[in-house]
Amino acid sequence: MNFRIAPTPSGPRPHRGFAATYFARHIAGQVPARMARHAHAARRACGRLALALSLTGIAACTTVPPAPASVTALQLPRWVQVHSAKPGQPAQDAILAVQAQDGGATRWSLFDPLGMPQARQILQDGRWRNDGFMRPNGAATELFSAILFAWTPEADLPRVYAGQDWREQPADHDGTTRIMEENCSPRWRVHLGGSAAPDRITIELRDGTRVSVAPLPPPPTSSPAPVGAVPRP
């Protein structure tokens, strides 16, 4: 699973058209100077408006995943197996470790099945940042945010995701479906396992990726693993 956000393009600066230039050079002498100045000011205002609208459109296309506005109890540490399947691509398996940090922060570490780190990020005060020298990974941020949304206790949702467009409803067969909306369409659709598998969750992302998350036993407490190590399930 590899999501990337394209860099924001920078368009050309507004410039005067041929007709405006011709008017300024050849006909301006036939009209009062005041009208020419007004025309020039209007062209500048239109240029600024076009640039502002362009920047607004670019900003609207670049969104960050919804993050909790306040801290919620997650019963950490947690170790889970993550299975991701995207149409037209090979399925991928990974191991996710989530640990509590000082100041209400949480550390999210994603490893491949061989124990190689794929992403390390820290969530603090509603913002994600890289942990260590790992390169930015927008796909991991999206995944972590969706899992956090699924793990948030139902009673905490109105407080933790205040101002976000979400809803929760009974699933068709068993369990609960939790949806995070964005621009009138689901960004995440989370199915919380019912009585048969209460600890398992399934997440459908906007691009069609389907993610299954299942708990793993924590590492033995008698011989704690070093930071970054992955316990063998």
Protein backbone atom coordinates (compact mmCIF):
# COMPACT_ATOMS: atom_id res chain seq x y z
CA MET A 1 0.00 0.00 0.00
CA ASN A 2 1.62 3.20 -1.13
CA PHE A 3 -0.21 6.49 -1.15
CA ARG A 4 1.46 9.66 -2.16
CA ILE A 5 0.25 13.21 -2.29
CA ALA A 6 1.41 15.07 -5.38
CA PRO A 7 3.30 18.34 -4.75
CA THR A 8 1.27 21.50 -5.10
CA PRO A 9 1.84 23.00 -8.57
CA SER A 10 2.75 26.63 -8.92
CA GLY A 11 0.99 28.21 -11.89
CA PRO A 12 2.21 31.14 -13.95
CA ARG A 13 1.68 34.61 -12.58
CA PRO A 14 -1.21 36.57 -14.09
CA HIS A 15 -0.20 38.83 -16.97
CA ARG A 16 -1.96 41.32 -19.23
CA GLY A 17 -3.43 40.03 -22.50
CA PHE A 18 -2.68 41.33 -25.97
CA ALA A 19 -5.82 43.44 -26.12
CA ALA A 20 -5.06 45.20 -22.84
CA THR A 21 -1.46 45.89 -23.93
CA TYR A 22 -2.62 47.24 -27.30
CA PHE A 23 -5.13 49.51 -25.57
CA ALA A 24 -2.51 50.85 -23.15
CA ARG A 25 0.01 51.64 -25.92
CA HIS A 26 -2.12 52.90 -28.82
CA ILE A 27 -5.53 54.07 -27.61
CA ALA A 28 -4.88 55.31 -24.08
CA GLY A 29 -4.05 58.75 -25.45
CA GLN A 30 -7.57 59.09 -26.81
CA VAL A 31 -9.27 58.73 -23.42
CA PRO A 32 -8.78 60.62 -20.19
CA ALA A 33 -5.79 59.54 -18.13
CA ARG A 34 -8.09 58.84 -15.20
CA MET A 35 -9.94 56.12 -17.15
CA ALA A 36 -6.63 54.49 -18.12
CA ARG A 37 -5.57 54.39 -14.47
CA HIS A 38 -8.90 52.85 -13.50
CA ALA A 39 -8.52 50.20 -16.19
CA HIS A 40 -5.03 49.37 -14.96
CA ALA A 41 -6.25 49.06 -11.36
CA ALA A 42 -9.09 46.80 -12.47
CA ARG A 43 -6.70 44.51 -14.32
CA ARG A 44 -4.49 44.26 -11.24
CA ALA A 45 -7.50 43.46 -9.06
CA CYS A 46 -8.64 40.74 -11.46
CA GLY A 47 -5.16 39.26 -11.47
CA ARG A 48 -5.07 39.14 -7.67
CA LEU A 49 -8.54 37.56 -7.59
CA ALA A 50 -7.56 34.89 -10.11
CA LEU A 51 -4.44 34.05 -8.12
CA ALA A 52 -6.40 33.86 -4.87
CA LEU A 53 -8.98 31.53 -6.40
CA SER A 54 -6.22 29.33 -7.79
CA LEU A 55 -4.53 29.01 -4.41
CA THR A 56 -7.87 28.27 -2.76
CA GLY A 57 -8.50 25.44 -5.21
CA ILE A 58 -5.04 23.98 -4.60
CA ALA A 59 -5.51 24.09 -0.84
CA ALA A 60 -8.89 22.40 -1.12
CA CYS A 61 -7.34 19.47 -3.02
CA THR A 62 -4.68 18.86 -0.35
CA THR A 63 -6.25 17.40 2.78
CA VAL A 64 -4.78 15.78 5.86
CA PRO A 65 -6.44 12.86 7.63
CA PRO A 66 -8.83 13.80 10.45
CA ALA A 67 -7.00 13.62 13.77
CA PRO A 68 -8.39 13.56 17.32
CA ALA A 69 -8.83 16.95 18.96
CA SER A 70 -8.15 15.51 22.42
CA VAL A 71 -6.56 12.47 24.04
CA THR A 72 -8.52 9.26 24.42
CA ALA A 73 -7.74 6.06 26.35
CA LEU A 74 -6.46 3.35 24.01
CA GLN A 75 -5.25 0.69 26.47
CA LEU A 76 -1.68 0.75 25.18
CA PRO A 77 0.62 -0.87 24.22
CA ARG A 78 -1.04 -2.66 21.34
CA TRP A 79 0.42 -5.05 18.78
CA VAL A 80 -1.69 -5.87 15.72
CA GLN A 81 -1.35 -7.61 12.39
CA VAL A 82 -2.37 -5.48 9.40
CA HIS A 83 -3.45 -7.09 6.12
CA SER A 84 -4.00 -4.67 3.23
CA ALA A 85 -5.56 -5.51 -0.12
CA LYS A 86 -5.98 -2.99 -2.94
CA PRO A 87 -7.69 -3.87 -6.24
CA GLY A 88 -5.12 -4.69 -8.91
CA GLN A 89 -2.18 -4.92 -6.47
CA PRO A 90 -0.66 -7.75 -4.40
CA ALA A 91 -1.88 -8.00 -0.81
CA GLN A 92 0.52 -6.86 1.91
CA ASP A 93 0.99 -7.87 5.53
CA ALA A 94 2.56 -5.78 8.26
CA ILE A 95 2.88 -5.56 12.03
CA LEU A 96 1.89 -2.39 13.88
CA ALA A 97 3.06 -1.50 17.38
CA VAL A 98 1.43 1.40 19.22
CA GLN A 99 2.99 2.68 22.44
CA ALA A 100 2.22 5.51 24.85
CA GLN A 101 4.68 8.40 25.16
CA ASP A 102 5.07 11.29 27.58
CA GLY A 103 2.75 14.26 27.29
CA GLY A 104 -0.18 12.27 25.93
CA ALA A 105 1.64 11.34 22.72
CA THR A 106 1.54 7.93 21.02
CA ARG A 107 4.20 6.25 18.89
CA TRP A 108 3.10 4.22 15.86
CA SER A 109 5.65 1.81 14.34
CA LEU A 110 4.90 -0.24 11.22
CA PHE A 111 7.09 -3.22 10.23
CA ASP A 112 7.07 -5.70 7.38
CA PRO A 113 6.83 -9.44 8.23
CA LEU A 114 10.65 -9.66 8.40
CA GLY A 115 10.84 -6.90 11.00
CA MET A 116 12.09 -4.10 8.73
CA PRO A 117 10.58 -0.71 9.71
CA GLN A 118 8.25 0.81 7.13
CA ALA A 119 7.07 3.87 9.05
CA ARG A 120 7.50 5.43 12.49
CA GLN A 121 5.31 8.35 13.47
CA ILE A 122 4.25 10.12 16.64
CA LEU A 123 0.84 11.65 17.23
CA GLN A 124 0.80 14.53 19.69
CA ASP A 125 -1.71 17.35 20.14
CA GLY A 126 -3.64 16.24 17.06
CA ARG A 127 -0.60 16.34 14.73
CA TRP A 128 1.46 13.57 13.15
CA ARG A 129 5.23 13.81 12.83
CA ASN A 130 7.99 11.43 11.81
CA ASP A 131 9.89 9.59 14.52
CA GLY A 132 13.61 9.45 13.85
CA PHE A 133 15.01 9.48 10.32
CA MET A 134 12.16 7.70 8.55
CA ARG A 135 11.01 9.47 5.41
CA PRO A 136 7.47 10.93 5.30
CA ASN A 137 4.84 8.32 4.54
CA GLY A 138 1.40 9.72 3.79
CA ALA A 139 -0.06 6.22 3.31
CA ALA A 140 0.99 5.26 6.82
CA THR A 141 -0.49 8.47 8.25
CA GLU A 142 -3.79 7.69 6.54
CA LEU A 143 -3.73 4.11 7.85
CA PHE A 144 -2.81 5.11 11.41
CA SER A 145 -5.52 7.78 11.48
CA ALA A 146 -8.18 5.33 10.30
CA ILE A 147 -7.14 2.72 12.89
CA LEU A 148 -7.18 5.35 15.63
CA PHE A 149 -10.70 6.33 14.58
CA ALA A 150 -11.72 2.68 14.82
CA TRP A 151 -10.10 2.24 18.25
CA THR A 152 -11.67 5.33 19.81
CA PRO A 153 -14.33 4.31 22.36
CA GLU A 154 -17.84 5.14 21.25
CA ALA A 155 -18.47 7.37 24.26
CA ASP A 156 -15.41 9.51 23.38
CA LEU A 157 -16.23 10.07 19.71
CA PRO A 158 -18.24 13.32 20.13
CA ARG A 159 -15.43 14.88 22.17
CA VAL A 160 -12.41 13.47 20.36
CA TYR A 161 -13.72 14.16 16.84
CA ALA A 162 -15.64 17.34 17.57
CA GLY A 163 -16.31 19.26 14.36
CA GLN A 164 -15.73 16.21 12.13
CA ASP A 165 -18.46 14.64 10.02
CA TRP A 166 -18.79 11.07 11.31
CA ARG A 167 -21.55 8.64 12.16
CA GLU A 168 -22.00 5.18 13.66
CA GLN A 169 -24.72 2.69 12.88
CA PRO A 170 -25.45 -1.03 13.32
CA ALA A 171 -23.91 -3.27 10.67
CA ASP A 172 -26.08 -5.33 8.33
CA HIS A 173 -25.19 -8.67 9.94
CA ASP A 174 -23.27 -8.18 13.19
CA GLY A 175 -21.16 -5.53 14.86
CA THR A 176 -21.06 -1.83 14.12
CA THR A 177 -20.18 0.34 11.13
CA ARG A 178 -18.40 3.62 11.79
CA ILE A 179 -17.97 6.14 8.93
CA MET A 180 -15.84 9.26 8.64
CA GLU A 181 -17.28 11.55 5.97
CA GLU A 182 -15.40 14.13 3.91
CA ASN A 183 -16.89 16.26 1.15
CA CYS A 184 -20.14 14.29 1.31
CA SER A 185 -18.45 10.91 0.71
CA PRO A 186 -16.91 8.31 3.08
CA ARG A 187 -13.19 8.71 3.67
CA TRP A 188 -13.07 5.70 6.03
CA ARG A 189 -15.66 2.99 6.49
CA VAL A 190 -14.87 0.93 9.57
CA HIS A 191 -16.55 -2.33 10.52
CA LEU A 192 -16.10 -3.24 14.18
CA GLY A 193 -16.30 -6.99 14.73
CA GLY A 194 -19.36 -8.37 16.46
CA SER A 195 -19.68 -11.05 19.09
CA ALA A 196 -17.72 -13.61 17.03
CA ALA A 197 -14.57 -11.43 16.74
CA PRO A 198 -14.90 -8.31 18.92
CA ASP A 199 -11.20 -7.37 18.61
CA ARG A 200 -11.04 -7.50 14.82
CA ILE A 201 -11.74 -4.50 12.62
CA THR A 202 -12.00 -3.98 8.88
CA ILE A 203 -11.35 -0.61 7.24
CA GLU A 204 -12.28 0.45 3.72
CA LEU A 205 -10.30 3.44 2.46
CA ARG A 206 -11.43 5.88 -0.20
CA ASP A 207 -9.22 4.39 -2.94
CA GLY A 208 -10.72 0.92 -2.49
CA THR A 209 -8.04 -0.49 -0.17
CA ARG A 210 -9.43 -2.94 2.35
CA VAL A 211 -7.50 -3.29 5.61
CA SER A 212 -7.99 -6.03 8.21
CA VAL A 213 -6.57 -5.46 11.69
CA ALA A 214 -6.24 -8.35 14.17
CA PRO A 215 -4.63 -8.30 17.64
CA LEU A 216 -1.29 -9.98 18.37
CA PRO A 217 0.08 -11.01 21.76
CA PRO A 218 2.41 -8.41 23.30
CA PRO A 219 6.13 -9.20 23.66
CA PRO A 220 7.15 -11.10 26.82
CA THR A 221 7.63 -8.80 29.81
CA SER A 222 10.45 -10.94 31.23
CA SER A 223 12.79 -10.08 28.36
CA PRO A 224 11.66 -6.76 26.88
CA ALA A 225 12.49 -6.28 23.22
CA PRO A 226 14.67 -3.31 22.23
CA VAL A 227 13.02 -0.27 20.74
CA GLY A 228 12.02 -1.02 17.15
CA ALA A 229 12.17 -4.81 17.50
CA VAL A 230 9.19 -6.87 16.42
CA PRO A 231 7.98 -9.86 18.42
CA ARG A 232 7.35 -13.03 16.49
CA PRO A 233 3.65 -13.89 16.53
